[in-house]
Protein backbone atom coordinates (compact mmCIF):
# COMPACT_ATOMS: atom_id res chain seq x y z
CA MET A 1 8.70 -13.56 17.67
CA ASN A 2 11.03 -15.67 15.82
CA ALA A 3 13.31 -14.48 12.86
CA GLU A 4 10.77 -15.51 10.07
CA THR A 5 8.26 -13.58 11.61
CA PHE A 6 10.29 -10.43 11.96
CA GLU A 7 11.28 -11.02 8.06
CA LEU A 8 7.58 -11.40 7.34
CA ARG A 9 6.59 -8.22 9.35
CA ASP A 10 9.38 -5.77 7.86
CA ALA A 11 8.61 -7.07 4.13
CA LEU A 12 4.91 -6.49 4.85
CA PHE A 13 5.63 -2.99 6.11
CA SER A 14 8.06 -2.43 3.11
CA ALA A 15 5.17 -3.37 0.77
CA ILE A 16 2.95 -1.13 2.54
CA HIS A 17 5.41 1.69 2.32
CA ASN A 18 6.11 1.18 -1.39
CA ARG A 19 2.62 0.87 -2.38
CA THR A 20 1.70 3.91 -0.49
CA GLY A 21 3.98 5.87 -2.58
CA VAL A 22 2.37 4.48 -5.64
CA GLU A 23 -0.95 4.98 -4.88
CA GLN A 24 -0.22 8.71 -3.90
CA ALA A 25 1.59 9.30 -6.97
CA LEU A 26 -1.23 7.70 -9.08
CA GLY A 27 -3.81 9.70 -7.33
CA HIS A 28 -1.91 12.97 -8.17
CA VAL A 29 -2.39 12.60 -11.84
CA THR A 30 -4.11 15.75 -13.25
CA ASP A 31 -7.26 15.16 -15.15
CA VAL A 32 -5.88 16.41 -18.55
CA SER A 33 -4.11 13.21 -18.98
CA THR A 34 -5.71 10.47 -21.02
CA ASP A 35 -4.81 7.91 -18.88
CA TYR A 36 -6.76 9.66 -15.79
CA ASP A 37 -9.63 7.46 -15.51
CA MET A 38 -7.29 4.20 -15.25
CA ARG A 39 -4.82 5.73 -12.82
CA GLN A 40 -7.46 6.95 -10.62
CA MET A 41 -8.96 3.13 -10.56
CA LEU A 42 -5.23 1.59 -10.06
CA SER A 43 -5.00 4.15 -7.08
CA LYS A 44 -7.98 2.98 -5.30
CA VAL A 45 -7.27 -0.71 -5.76
CA ILE A 46 -3.75 -0.08 -4.39
CA HIS A 47 -5.15 1.82 -1.29
CA ASP A 48 -8.11 -0.66 -0.66
CA GLU A 49 -5.24 -3.58 -0.65
CA ILE A 50 -3.17 -1.40 1.63
CA GLU A 51 -6.18 -0.91 3.86
CA LYS A 52 -6.73 -4.77 4.02
CA ILE A 53 -3.05 -5.52 5.02
CA GLN A 54 -2.92 -2.83 7.54
CA GLY A 55 -6.04 -4.24 9.07
CA ALA A 56 -4.66 -7.90 9.26
CA ILE A 57 -1.26 -6.93 11.18
CA PRO A 58 -1.40 -7.95 14.53
CA ASP A 59 -1.18 -5.07 17.02
CA GLU A 60 1.72 -6.21 18.47
CA TRP A 61 3.97 -6.00 15.41
CA HIS A 62 3.28 -2.24 15.64
CA ASN A 63 6.36 -0.44 17.11
C-alpha cells in the first residue's frame, strides 16, 4: 500500500471509532428524555453508516 492508501485507511478507522462512540452514547439515552426518539433515530443512522463503511473496507486493510 502507498502512503495515500494508509492515510485513507487510518482516517476511515478513526472515523468509525469516533462514530461508534457517538452511536453508543446516543443509544444509552433513557426514555425519560424529551429527545429520546430523535436520539434513538440518530443512533440508528450512525450505526447503519458504520456498518456500510465496515462492509466496504478491503480485507487486506484489517490488521
